[in-house]
Amino acid sequence: MSSQPEAVFGILGVFGGILSLLIWLASLVLIIYIIVLAVKLARRGITALDLYIYAKNREIREKYESADRGSSYE
């Protein structure tokens, strides 16, 4: 009778090891996925910032160039 609990704990130990390995792999995949999403978000943010800076520079350039068109310095 004493051999049955040892066999049960041995089987649970193997399944516990497999379960912990699966949890570890799942968390590793999740971490990699989160990193990929963060990189995509950063790239999208950089693109949006570039577009904003371009629009602002164009707006400022048009404002100051249109102010010089009406006056004659010649």
Protein backbone atom coordinates (compact mmCIF):
# COMPACT_ATOMS: atom_id res chain seq x y z
CA MET A 1 0.00 0.00 0.00
CA SER A 2 2.86 2.36 0.55
CA SER A 3 3.92 2.12 -3.10
CA GLN A 4 0.69 3.63 -4.43
CA PRO A 5 1.12 7.14 -2.98
CA GLU A 6 4.68 7.25 -4.29
CA ALA A 7 3.45 6.27 -7.76
CA VAL A 8 0.76 8.93 -7.63
CA PHE A 9 3.21 11.60 -6.52
CA GLY A 10 5.64 10.47 -9.23
CA ILE A 11 3.00 10.88 -11.92
CA LEU A 12 1.94 14.24 -10.52
CA GLY A 13 5.56 15.31 -10.47
CA VAL A 14 5.95 14.52 -14.16
CA PHE A 15 2.71 16.33 -15.03
CA GLY A 16 3.69 19.20 -12.76
CA GLY A 17 6.99 19.52 -14.60
CA ILE A 18 5.27 19.44 -17.97
CA LEU A 19 2.67 21.93 -16.76
CA SER A 20 5.32 24.31 -15.46
CA LEU A 21 7.22 24.00 -18.75
CA LEU A 22 4.06 24.83 -20.70
CA ILE A 23 3.35 27.82 -18.47
CA TRP A 24 6.92 29.02 -18.91
CA LEU A 25 6.72 28.66 -22.72
CA ALA A 26 3.35 30.43 -22.81
CA SER A 27 4.70 33.33 -20.79
CA LEU A 28 7.76 33.54 -23.05
CA VAL A 29 5.57 33.69 -26.15
CA LEU A 30 3.37 36.32 -24.50
CA ILE A 31 6.38 38.46 -23.61
CA ILE A 32 7.71 38.27 -27.19
CA TYR A 33 4.25 39.18 -28.52
CA ILE A 34 4.04 42.19 -26.19
CA ILE A 35 7.49 43.35 -27.31
CA VAL A 36 6.45 43.08 -30.98
CA LEU A 37 3.30 45.10 -30.28
CA ALA A 38 5.31 47.75 -28.42
CA VAL A 39 7.73 48.08 -31.36
CA LYS A 40 4.82 48.41 -33.80
CA LEU A 41 3.21 51.06 -31.59
CA ALA A 42 6.50 52.98 -31.33
CA ARG A 43 6.97 52.93 -35.10
CA ARG A 44 3.42 54.17 -35.63
CA GLY A 45 3.99 56.93 -33.08
CA ILE A 46 7.22 58.00 -34.76
CA THR A 47 5.44 58.16 -38.13
CA ALA A 48 2.64 60.25 -36.63
CA LEU A 49 5.16 62.57 -35.01
CA ASP A 50 7.01 62.97 -38.33
CA LEU A 51 3.75 63.88 -40.08
CA TYR A 52 2.89 66.37 -37.33
CA ILE A 53 6.30 68.04 -37.52
CA TYR A 54 6.10 68.20 -41.32
CA ALA A 55 2.63 69.81 -41.17
CA LYS A 56 3.71 72.34 -38.55
CA ASN A 57 6.85 73.27 -40.48
CA ARG A 58 4.79 73.68 -43.64
CA GLU A 59 2.26 75.84 -41.79
CA ILE A 60 5.00 78.05 -40.33
CA ARG A 61 6.78 78.29 -43.69
CA GLU A 62 3.57 79.32 -45.49
CA LYS A 63 2.77 81.90 -42.82
CA TYR A 64 6.13 83.64 -43.04
CA GLU A 65 6.47 83.35 -46.83
CA SER A 66 2.99 84.83 -47.35
CA ALA A 67 3.89 87.76 -45.07
CA ASP A 68 6.88 88.60 -47.30
CA ARG A 69 4.88 88.47 -50.55
CA GLY A 70 2.88 91.61 -49.88
CA SER A 71 5.81 93.83 -49.01
CA SER A 72 8.33 95.11 -51.50
CA TYR A 73 11.93 95.45 -50.37
CA GLU A 74 13.30 96.31 -53.80
